[in-house]
């Protein structure tokens, strides 16, 4: 009889059942039913009690391990992590309007960048790592070496695709996440922003509709606005990403020219779709012949055992344009990114030549040597630990200082935190008050074409933790509480 029930559970397990199980365990931890350091139910116990297969239970526990909720101990099982984040609820699943909208955020985004670059403000606004955490010294020495030894040779245009040695090193890294790329598949760009812009230009014309996550990075919205495109925001789960059913409905009822999704640690939610969900999204896009632009700029900043697999690696035959850069990991000032356009290579190259012709030869040469030396991987191991600790500390501080009802995202990579406040709060007003106290953050309404999320904020965790940052969060918490009392 037991075998029959177990077989039935295996047969009935849905592709997302492990996520449901992971959410159940997370609720037990948040409610203090499972305390930090305590042993989690065994795989056999939880699969029996929840009616799932052992494989589903193991997948759920591995997901919780990636999120930092559980930790595996050899020969002992799984335990609740001792340094679990502040146990606030995750943000609600977004419910944006179901029709495309024009974007009008340029002036707001430009002002926000100016404030975020002000060194006199506590830097919680701009998602750029602190120079103190980056490998600028090592890269500068390699740059100086390239200038001394090959300066004359490098003082010329590269081919439009960029420095071949760097493209070789990037192609060599692709198998680490299951991808297969050759140097000729890649075009070096001026950061990920140019890569995404080239992709949008290659696929669309003014007036076309681009389906995006909601909320999404305001720099992307700015690009959509400048290119005179429309944005169709899709409901997005703060843990698992875009809702496949919402995407299918949009593809059936709307004229969507292309989709633009993050494959790892969406900015600002920090969500990462599972491989199963990514494959489901690709299946829907293939069915309706809609291409995908993939933003993987945060992919190397993962906290689990395995780097998330990009869309283009899961299905190499899919119509995917892959974009990334070094700006979030090692060298924002070098402005070096890349794009793998797939079947759209010719259109991308034509636009690359029209706007910037080629990249910066000396920085590209220095980055190539940095990758070849193994320095990049050592650097990544260091900053992953720092960013994970920063997110943990900031989540705990928000839990201590912010009012009841506050929700916080649970990213398993990257270095941004999405905070959802009680809906009576207007973070645009709060932003002005914070500036008076010397604090910069990103108000939530800039992450939507419809200016939604006015009660939310994004906090950057890219600066080393300090007493000053903790005091800034305490001040923000007081400002939020005062605003609530005044309403």
Protein backbone atom coordinates (compact mmCIF):
# COMPACT_ATOMS: atom_id res chain seq x y z
CA UNK A 1 0.00 0.00 0.00
CA UNK A 2 2.82 2.43 0.86
CA UNK A 3 4.47 1.73 -2.49
CA UNK A 4 1.21 2.51 -4.26
CA UNK A 5 0.83 5.87 -2.49
CA UNK A 6 4.45 6.72 -3.26
CA UNK A 7 4.01 5.83 -6.93
CA UNK A 8 0.87 8.00 -7.05
CA UNK A 9 2.77 10.92 -5.54
CA UNK A 10 5.51 10.57 -8.15
CA UNK A 11 2.97 10.45 -10.96
CA UNK A 12 1.07 13.50 -9.71
CA UNK A 13 4.07 15.74 -9.01
CA UNK A 14 3.76 18.86 -11.16
CA UNK A 15 6.81 20.63 -12.64
CA UNK A 16 6.56 23.29 -9.91
CA UNK A 17 5.67 21.04 -6.97
CA UNK A 18 9.17 21.40 -5.56
CA UNK A 19 8.67 25.18 -5.40
CA UNK A 20 5.46 24.68 -3.43
CA UNK A 21 7.33 22.40 -1.03
CA UNK A 22 10.16 24.92 -0.71
CA UNK A 23 7.63 27.66 0.11
CA UNK A 24 6.06 25.39 2.76
CA UNK A 25 9.42 24.83 4.49
CA UNK A 26 10.18 28.57 4.25
CA UNK A 27 6.91 29.34 6.06
CA UNK A 28 7.88 26.93 8.83
CA UNK A 29 11.15 28.79 9.27
CA UNK A 30 9.51 32.24 9.12
CA UNK A 31 6.97 31.25 11.77
CA UNK A 32 9.77 29.92 14.02
CA UNK A 33 8.30 26.40 13.84
CA UNK A 34 11.76 25.44 12.58
CA UNK A 35 14.45 27.39 14.43
CA UNK A 36 17.94 28.33 13.18
CA UNK A 37 20.29 25.41 13.75
CA UNK A 38 17.51 22.84 14.08
CA UNK A 39 17.31 19.78 11.86
CA UNK A 40 14.84 19.99 9.00
CA UNK A 41 12.50 17.03 8.37
CA UNK A 42 14.28 14.24 6.53
CA UNK A 43 13.64 13.84 2.83
CA UNK A 44 11.68 10.64 3.43
CA UNK A 45 9.61 12.26 6.18
CA UNK A 46 8.71 15.39 4.23
CA UNK A 47 7.97 13.45 1.03
CA UNK A 48 5.68 11.10 2.97
CA UNK A 49 3.91 13.90 4.87
CA UNK A 50 3.49 16.19 1.83
CA UNK A 51 2.73 13.43 -0.70
CA UNK A 52 5.64 14.10 -3.03
CA UNK A 53 8.39 12.00 -4.53
CA UNK A 54 11.86 11.85 -2.98
CA UNK A 55 13.24 13.51 -6.09
CA UNK A 56 10.85 16.45 -5.66
CA UNK A 57 11.74 16.76 -1.96
CA UNK A 58 15.46 16.75 -2.74
CA UNK A 59 14.99 19.41 -5.43
CA UNK A 60 13.06 21.60 -2.98
CA UNK A 61 15.79 21.24 -0.33
CA UNK A 62 18.50 22.07 -2.88
CA UNK A 63 16.55 25.20 -3.82
CA UNK A 64 16.31 26.19 -0.15
CA UNK A 65 20.04 25.55 0.19
CA UNK A 66 20.67 27.95 -2.72
CA UNK A 67 18.48 30.55 -1.01
CA UNK A 68 20.38 30.23 2.26
CA UNK A 69 17.38 28.86 4.19
CA UNK A 70 18.80 25.36 4.69
CA UNK A 71 22.32 24.00 4.82
CA UNK A 72 23.40 20.43 4.11
CA UNK A 73 25.64 18.63 6.61
CA UNK A 74 27.47 15.51 5.43
CA UNK A 75 26.06 12.25 6.83
CA UNK A 76 23.56 14.26 8.88
CA UNK A 77 20.91 15.80 6.63
CA UNK A 78 19.60 19.33 6.21
CA UNK A 79 19.50 21.99 8.92
CA UNK A 80 17.99 25.46 9.16
CA UNK A 81 20.77 27.92 8.40
CA UNK A 82 22.05 29.69 11.46
CA UNK A 83 22.23 33.07 9.74
CA UNK A 84 18.82 33.12 8.11
CA UNK A 85 17.64 36.51 6.95
CA UNK A 86 15.11 38.62 8.74
CA UNK A 87 11.92 36.62 8.57
CA UNK A 88 9.73 39.11 6.80
CA UNK A 89 7.27 38.03 4.17
CA UNK A 90 8.35 38.13 0.54
CA UNK A 91 6.85 40.86 -1.66
CA UNK A 92 3.53 40.13 -3.31
CA UNK A 93 3.32 38.81 -6.88
CA UNK A 94 3.01 41.82 -9.16
CA UNK A 95 -0.25 42.46 -11.04
CA UNK A 96 0.52 45.09 -13.69
CA UNK A 97 -2.00 46.29 -16.30
CA UNK A 98 -2.47 43.85 -19.19
CA UNK A 99 -2.05 46.43 -21.97
CA UNK A 100 1.16 47.91 -23.46
CA UNK A 101 2.17 51.37 -22.27
CA UNK A 102 4.46 54.10 -23.49
CA UNK A 103 7.29 54.94 -21.10
CA UNK A 104 8.02 58.41 -19.73
CA UNK A 105 10.76 58.20 -17.14
CA UNK A 106 13.84 59.78 -18.72
CA UNK A 107 14.02 62.94 -16.63
CA UNK A 108 13.44 61.02 -13.38
CA UNK A 109 16.06 58.39 -14.26
CA UNK A 110 18.66 61.04 -15.12
CA UNK A 111 18.13 62.80 -11.78
CA UNK A 112 18.34 59.52 -9.91
CA UNK A 113 21.69 58.71 -11.53
CA UNK A 114 22.99 62.13 -10.49
CA UNK A 115 21.98 61.55 -6.87
CA UNK A 116 23.32 57.99 -6.90
CA UNK A 117 26.72 59.30 -8.06
CA UNK A 118 26.93 61.89 -5.25
CA UNK A 119 29.70 60.72 -2.86
CA UNK A 120 28.21 62.76 -0.01
CA UNK A 121 25.13 60.50 0.14
CA UNK A 122 24.92 57.04 1.73
CA UNK A 123 25.01 54.87 -1.42
CA UNK A 124 21.85 52.77 -1.27
CA UNK A 125 20.52 54.01 -4.61
CA UNK A 126 22.64 52.88 -7.55
CA UNK A 127 23.22 49.17 -8.25
CA UNK A 128 26.96 49.53 -8.78
CA UNK A 129 29.50 47.74 -6.57
CA UNK A 130 31.73 49.90 -4.42
CA UNK A 131 35.21 50.38 -5.92
CA UNK A 132 36.55 49.08 -2.59
CA UNK A 133 35.17 45.63 -3.45
CA UNK A 134 36.37 45.44 -7.04
CA UNK A 135 39.65 44.32 -8.53
CA UNK A 136 40.59 47.72 -9.92
CA UNK A 137 44.21 47.54 -8.73
CA UNK A 138 44.95 44.27 -10.49
CA UNK A 139 43.15 45.39 -13.65
CA UNK A 140 44.88 48.77 -13.65
CA UNK A 141 48.26 47.04 -13.56
CA UNK A 142 47.27 44.83 -16.49
CA UNK A 143 45.98 47.90 -18.32
CA UNK A 144 49.27 49.72 -17.74
CA UNK A 145 51.18 46.67 -18.93
CA UNK A 146 49.10 46.54 -22.13
CA UNK A 147 49.71 50.24 -22.70
CA UNK A 148 53.48 49.87 -22.19
CA UNK A 149 53.95 46.76 -24.28
CA UNK A 150 51.33 47.18 -26.99
CA UNK A 151 50.13 50.77 -26.69
CA UNK A 152 50.97 51.78 -30.24
CA UNK A 153 49.48 48.62 -31.68
CA UNK A 154 46.32 49.02 -29.60
CA UNK A 155 45.80 52.69 -30.50
CA UNK A 156 43.51 51.80 -33.37
CA UNK A 157 40.03 50.46 -34.03
CA UNK A 158 39.32 46.82 -33.31
CA UNK A 159 37.16 44.78 -35.65
CA UNK A 160 33.46 45.50 -34.93
CA UNK A 161 33.17 42.32 -32.87
CA UNK A 162 35.94 43.52 -30.56
CA UNK A 163 39.20 42.06 -29.25
CA UNK A 164 39.41 38.42 -30.33
CA UNK A 165 41.48 37.31 -27.32
CA UNK A 166 38.77 38.51 -24.93
CA UNK A 167 36.09 36.83 -27.03
CA UNK A 168 38.09 33.60 -26.83
CA UNK A 169 38.22 33.84 -23.03
CA UNK A 170 34.48 34.54 -22.82
CA UNK A 171 33.72 31.56 -25.07
CA UNK A 172 35.85 29.34 -22.83
CA UNK A 173 33.69 30.27 -19.86
CA UNK A 174 30.39 29.32 -21.52
CA UNK A 175 30.61 25.56 -20.68
CA UNK A 176 30.63 26.49 -16.97
CA UNK A 177 26.91 27.18 -17.23
CA UNK A 178 26.15 24.62 -19.92
CA UNK A 179 26.55 26.94 -22.91
CA UNK A 180 28.41 26.48 -26.16
CA UNK A 181 29.79 29.63 -27.80
CA UNK A 182 32.61 30.33 -30.20
CA UNK A 183 34.53 33.63 -30.32
CA UNK A 184 32.76 34.44 -33.57
CA UNK A 185 29.37 34.17 -31.84
CA UNK A 186 30.19 37.19 -29.64
CA UNK A 187 30.27 40.95 -30.09
CA UNK A 188 31.89 43.10 -27.41
CA UNK A 189 29.85 46.14 -26.37
CA UNK A 190 29.98 49.24 -24.21
CA UNK A 191 28.49 47.53 -21.17
CA UNK A 192 25.26 45.55 -21.02
CA UNK A 193 23.25 48.69 -21.79
CA UNK A 194 24.62 48.84 -25.34
CA UNK A 195 24.13 45.08 -25.73
CA UNK A 196 20.44 45.35 -24.77
CA UNK A 197 19.98 48.43 -26.96
CA UNK A 198 21.50 46.67 -29.97
CA UNK A 199 19.26 43.67 -29.38
CA UNK A 200 16.12 45.82 -29.16
CA UNK A 201 17.09 47.73 -32.30
CA UNK A 202 17.79 44.53 -34.21
CA UNK A 203 14.39 43.05 -33.38
CA UNK A 204 11.96 45.98 -33.29
CA UNK A 205 10.78 49.20 -34.85
CA UNK A 206 9.33 52.31 -33.16
CA UNK A 207 5.87 51.60 -31.81
CA UNK A 208 6.47 47.86 -31.27
CA UNK A 209 5.66 46.18 -27.96
CA UNK A 210 8.29 44.55 -25.74
CA UNK A 211 7.12 42.22 -22.95
CA UNK A 212 9.11 42.65 -19.73
CA UNK A 213 9.14 41.63 -16.09
CA UNK A 214 7.33 43.81 -13.56
CA UNK A 215 9.00 45.47 -11.75
CA UNK A 216 12.08 45.79 -13.95
CA UNK A 217 15.32 47.79 -14.09
CA UNK A 218 14.63 51.48 -14.75
CA UNK A 219 17.60 51.74 -17.13
CA UNK A 220 15.86 49.22 -19.38
CA UNK A 221 12.66 51.26 -19.26
CA UNK A 222 14.66 54.33 -20.21
CA UNK A 223 16.08 52.49 -23.25
CA UNK A 224 12.58 51.38 -24.29
CA UNK A 225 11.43 54.99 -24.04
CA UNK A 226 14.33 56.38 -26.09
CA UNK A 227 13.74 53.78 -28.82
CA UNK A 228 10.04 54.79 -28.92
CA UNK A 229 8.85 51.30 -28.01
CA UNK A 230 5.97 50.22 -25.77
CA UNK A 231 6.36 48.13 -22.61
CA UNK A 232 4.01 45.29 -21.68
CA UNK A 233 4.63 44.41 -18.05
CA UNK A 234 3.97 40.81 -17.01
CA UNK A 235 3.06 39.50 -13.54
CA UNK A 236 6.29 38.42 -11.85
CA UNK A 237 6.74 36.24 -8.78
CA UNK A 238 9.47 37.62 -6.46
CA UNK A 239 10.95 34.12 -6.18
CA UNK A 240 10.27 32.33 -9.46
CA UNK A 241 9.95 35.07 -12.07
CA UNK A 242 7.53 35.66 -14.93
CA UNK A 243 4.21 33.81 -14.84
CA UNK A 244 4.03 31.45 -17.88
CA UNK A 245 0.23 31.68 -18.01
CA UNK A 246 0.38 35.47 -18.17
CA UNK A 247 2.98 35.27 -20.92
CA UNK A 248 0.87 32.85 -22.95
CA UNK A 249 -2.17 35.08 -22.63
CA UNK A 250 -0.13 38.10 -23.72
CA UNK A 251 1.25 36.24 -26.73
CA UNK A 252 -2.24 35.12 -27.75
CA UNK A 253 -3.97 38.47 -27.36
CA UNK A 254 -1.26 41.09 -27.94
CA UNK A 255 1.16 41.84 -30.74
CA UNK A 256 4.42 41.25 -28.86
CA UNK A 257 7.55 41.81 -30.94
CA UNK A 258 10.05 40.47 -28.39
CA UNK A 259 10.46 39.64 -24.70
CA UNK A 260 13.25 40.90 -22.46
CA UNK A 261 13.77 38.86 -19.28
CA UNK A 262 16.53 38.47 -16.73
CA UNK A 263 17.83 34.92 -16.50
CA UNK A 264 19.40 35.38 -13.06
CA UNK A 265 18.57 37.63 -10.10
CA UNK A 266 16.24 40.16 -11.71
CA UNK A 267 16.86 43.78 -10.79
CA UNK A 268 15.10 44.76 -8.51
CA UNK A 269 13.31 41.59 -7.25
CA UNK A 270 16.30 39.24 -7.31
CA UNK A 271 14.15 36.39 -8.65
CA UNK A 272 15.57 33.56 -10.76
CA UNK A 273 13.26 31.22 -12.71
CA UNK A 274 13.94 27.52 -12.34
CA UNK A 275 15.25 25.61 -15.36
CA UNK A 276 11.78 24.09 -15.76
CA UNK A 277 10.14 27.50 -15.83
CA UNK A 278 12.72 28.84 -18.28
CA UNK A 279 12.05 25.92 -20.59
CA UNK A 280 8.31 26.53 -20.34
CA UNK A 281 8.81 30.20 -21.24
CA UNK A 282 11.01 29.22 -24.19
CA UNK A 283 8.41 26.73 -25.37
CA UNK A 284 5.73 29.43 -25.38
CA UNK A 285 7.98 31.89 -27.20
CA UNK A 286 8.90 29.28 -29.79
CA UNK A 287 5.24 28.39 -30.31
CA UNK A 288 4.42 32.04 -31.10
CA UNK A 289 7.75 32.76 -32.86
CA UNK A 290 8.67 35.58 -30.52
CA UNK A 291 12.40 36.10 -29.79
CA UNK A 292 13.84 36.54 -26.31
CA UNK A 293 16.46 39.06 -25.22
CA UNK A 294 18.22 37.62 -22.17
CA UNK A 295 19.84 39.88 -19.57
CA UNK A 296 22.34 37.81 -17.55
CA UNK A 297 24.41 40.63 -16.03
CA UNK A 298 24.12 39.23 -12.46
CA UNK A 299 24.59 35.56 -13.38
CA UNK A 300 28.11 35.22 -11.95
CA UNK A 301 27.04 36.57 -8.53
CA UNK A 302 25.29 33.45 -7.26
CA UNK A 303 25.29 32.18 -3.68
CA UNK A 304 24.46 28.52 -4.22
CA UNK A 305 26.51 25.61 -5.45
CA UNK A 306 25.68 26.10 -9.12
CA UNK A 307 25.46 29.07 -11.43
CA UNK A 308 21.93 29.51 -12.82
CA UNK A 309 21.66 28.21 -16.38
CA UNK A 310 20.90 30.92 -18.95
CA UNK A 311 17.99 30.53 -21.36
CA UNK A 312 20.30 30.18 -24.36
CA UNK A 313 22.14 27.25 -22.76
CA UNK A 314 18.91 25.38 -21.94
CA UNK A 315 17.79 25.40 -25.57
CA UNK A 316 20.52 26.39 -28.06
CA UNK A 317 18.01 26.19 -30.91
CA UNK A 318 15.73 28.82 -29.37
CA UNK A 319 15.66 32.38 -30.75
CA UNK A 320 17.57 34.01 -27.88
CA UNK A 321 19.90 37.02 -27.82
CA UNK A 322 22.20 36.77 -24.82
CA UNK A 323 23.55 39.94 -23.11
CA UNK A 324 25.91 40.47 -20.17
CA UNK A 325 28.89 42.50 -18.97
CA UNK A 326 31.59 42.94 -16.33
CA UNK A 327 29.95 46.06 -14.88
CA UNK A 328 28.38 44.35 -11.84
CA UNK A 329 31.28 42.06 -11.04
CA UNK A 330 34.67 43.62 -11.64
CA UNK A 331 34.94 46.75 -13.79
CA UNK A 332 32.01 49.16 -14.29
CA UNK A 333 34.46 51.84 -15.44
CA UNK A 334 35.87 49.64 -18.21
CA UNK A 335 32.44 49.63 -19.89
CA UNK A 336 32.90 46.18 -21.38
CA UNK A 337 29.96 43.92 -22.09
CA UNK A 338 29.03 41.41 -24.75
CA UNK A 339 26.16 40.10 -26.81
CA UNK A 340 25.60 36.71 -28.48
CA UNK A 341 23.04 37.66 -31.15
CA UNK A 342 22.54 34.18 -32.65
CA UNK A 343 20.67 34.42 -35.95
CA UNK A 344 20.53 38.23 -35.63
CA UNK A 345 24.30 38.76 -35.86
CA UNK A 346 24.26 40.76 -39.10
CA UNK A 347 21.65 43.25 -37.88
CA UNK A 348 23.48 43.69 -34.57
CA UNK A 349 26.83 44.29 -36.30
CA UNK A 350 25.30 46.84 -38.65
CA UNK A 351 23.99 48.84 -35.71
CA UNK A 352 27.17 48.41 -33.69
CA UNK A 353 29.19 49.87 -36.57
CA UNK A 354 26.74 52.76 -37.01
CA UNK A 355 26.86 53.89 -33.39
CA UNK A 356 30.20 52.97 -31.78
CA UNK A 357 32.08 51.09 -34.54
CA UNK A 358 34.32 49.23 -32.08
CA UNK A 359 35.15 48.95 -28.41
CA UNK A 360 38.09 50.10 -26.28
CA UNK A 361 41.14 47.96 -27.21
CA UNK A 362 43.28 48.50 -24.08
CA UNK A 363 40.56 47.71 -21.48
CA UNK A 364 39.49 44.67 -23.51
CA UNK A 365 43.08 43.44 -23.64
CA UNK A 366 43.50 43.87 -19.87
CA UNK A 367 40.27 42.00 -19.15
CA UNK A 368 41.34 39.15 -21.44
CA UNK A 369 44.55 38.67 -19.49
CA UNK A 370 42.66 38.95 -16.20
CA UNK A 371 40.33 36.11 -17.22
CA UNK A 372 43.18 33.95 -18.52
CA UNK A 373 45.13 34.34 -15.25
CA UNK A 374 42.28 32.99 -13.09
CA UNK A 375 42.04 36.30 -11.25
CA UNK A 376 38.39 36.77 -12.15
CA UNK A 377 37.30 33.51 -10.52
CA UNK A 378 39.21 34.25 -7.31
CA UNK A 379 37.64 37.70 -7.23
CA UNK A 380 34.15 36.26 -7.76
CA UNK A 381 34.49 33.87 -4.83
CA UNK A 382 35.40 36.81 -2.59
CA UNK A 383 32.64 39.19 -3.63
CA UNK A 384 29.93 36.52 -3.58
CA UNK A 385 30.58 36.02 0.12
CA UNK A 386 30.59 39.78 0.74
CA UNK A 387 27.36 40.44 -1.17
CA UNK A 388 25.59 37.54 0.50
CA UNK A 389 26.62 38.88 3.91
CA UNK A 390 25.54 42.40 2.94
CA UNK A 391 22.10 41.18 1.88
CA UNK A 392 21.76 39.24 5.11
CA UNK A 393 22.71 42.24 7.25
CA UNK A 394 20.48 44.64 5.35
CA UNK A 395 17.49 42.28 5.53
CA UNK A 396 17.99 41.96 9.27
CA UNK A 397 18.28 45.74 9.66
CA UNK A 398 15.06 46.29 7.71
CA UNK A 399 13.38 43.74 9.97
CA UNK A 400 14.55 45.64 13.07
CA UNK A 401 13.94 49.21 11.98
CA UNK A 402 11.01 49.18 9.54
CA UNK A 403 7.34 48.96 10.58
CA UNK A 404 5.15 45.89 10.73
CA UNK A 405 3.83 44.89 7.33
CA UNK A 406 7.13 45.48 5.52
CA UNK A 407 8.06 42.78 3.01
CA UNK A 408 11.56 42.01 1.72
CA UNK A 409 12.81 40.08 -1.30
CA UNK A 410 14.97 36.96 -0.90
CA UNK A 411 17.55 37.03 -3.70
CA UNK A 412 19.94 34.10 -3.96
CA UNK A 413 22.43 36.22 -5.88
CA UNK A 414 23.20 39.76 -6.98
CA UNK A 415 23.29 42.62 -4.50
CA UNK A 416 19.96 44.47 -4.54
CA UNK A 417 17.06 44.22 -2.12
CA UNK A 418 13.43 45.04 -2.94
CA UNK A 419 11.45 46.38 0.02
CA UNK A 420 7.65 46.57 -0.08
CA UNK A 421 6.21 48.97 2.50
CA UNK A 422 2.61 49.42 3.66
CA UNK A 423 0.65 50.92 0.74
CA UNK A 424 0.02 54.17 2.58
CA UNK A 425 3.69 55.07 2.05
CA UNK A 426 4.80 57.16 -0.95
CA UNK A 427 8.49 56.43 -1.50
CA UNK A 428 8.79 59.39 -3.88
CA UNK A 429 8.04 61.69 -0.93
CA UNK A 430 10.23 59.52 1.28
CA UNK A 431 13.08 59.90 -1.22
CA UNK A 432 13.10 63.67 -0.78
CA UNK A 433 13.18 63.34 3.01
CA UNK A 434 15.97 60.76 2.81
CA UNK A 435 18.11 63.11 0.70
CA UNK A 436 17.81 65.73 3.44
CA UNK A 437 19.33 63.14 5.80
CA UNK A 438 22.14 62.34 3.36
CA UNK A 439 20.68 59.01 2.15
CA UNK A 440 19.99 57.88 -1.41
CA UNK A 441 17.83 54.93 -2.40
CA UNK A 442 15.79 54.09 -5.52
CA UNK A 443 12.04 54.79 -5.17
CA UNK A 444 9.82 52.02 -6.51
CA UNK A 445 7.85 53.95 -9.12
CA UNK A 446 10.85 54.18 -11.49
CA UNK A 447 10.77 50.39 -11.94
CA UNK A 448 7.48 50.44 -13.86
CA UNK A 449 6.21 52.06 -17.05
CA UNK A 450 2.94 52.73 -15.23
CA UNK A 451 4.67 54.26 -12.18
CA UNK A 452 3.41 51.42 -10.00
CA UNK A 453 5.23 50.30 -6.84
CA UNK A 454 5.10 53.77 -5.30
CA UNK A 455 5.13 52.08 -1.88
CA UNK A 456 8.32 50.13 -2.64
CA UNK A 457 12.04 50.89 -2.72
CA UNK A 458 15.19 49.23 -3.96
CA UNK A 459 18.26 49.17 -1.72
CA UNK A 460 21.73 48.51 -3.09
CA UNK A 461 23.93 46.20 -1.02
CA UNK A 462 27.04 46.76 -3.13
CA UNK A 463 28.98 48.73 -0.50
CA UNK A 464 30.90 47.18 2.42
CA UNK A 465 28.73 46.98 5.52
CA UNK A 466 29.43 49.70 8.05
CA UNK A 467 27.94 51.46 11.05
CA UNK A 468 27.07 54.33 8.72
CA UNK A 469 24.92 52.11 6.50
CA UNK A 470 23.20 50.63 9.55
CA UNK A 471 22.45 54.14 10.86
CA UNK A 472 21.08 55.12 7.44
CA UNK A 473 18.68 52.16 7.50
CA UNK A 474 17.60 53.06 11.02
CA UNK A 475 16.92 56.61 9.84
CA UNK A 476 14.92 55.32 6.86
CA UNK A 477 12.90 53.16 9.22
CA UNK A 478 12.10 56.18 11.40
CA UNK A 479 11.07 58.19 8.33
CA UNK A 480 8.72 55.41 7.22
CA UNK A 481 7.17 55.15 10.69
CA UNK A 482 6.72 58.93 10.88
CA UNK A 483 5.05 58.93 7.45
CA UNK A 484 2.64 56.21 8.55
CA UNK A 485 1.71 58.10 11.72
CA UNK A 486 1.11 61.28 9.73
CA UNK A 487 -1.48 59.61 7.48
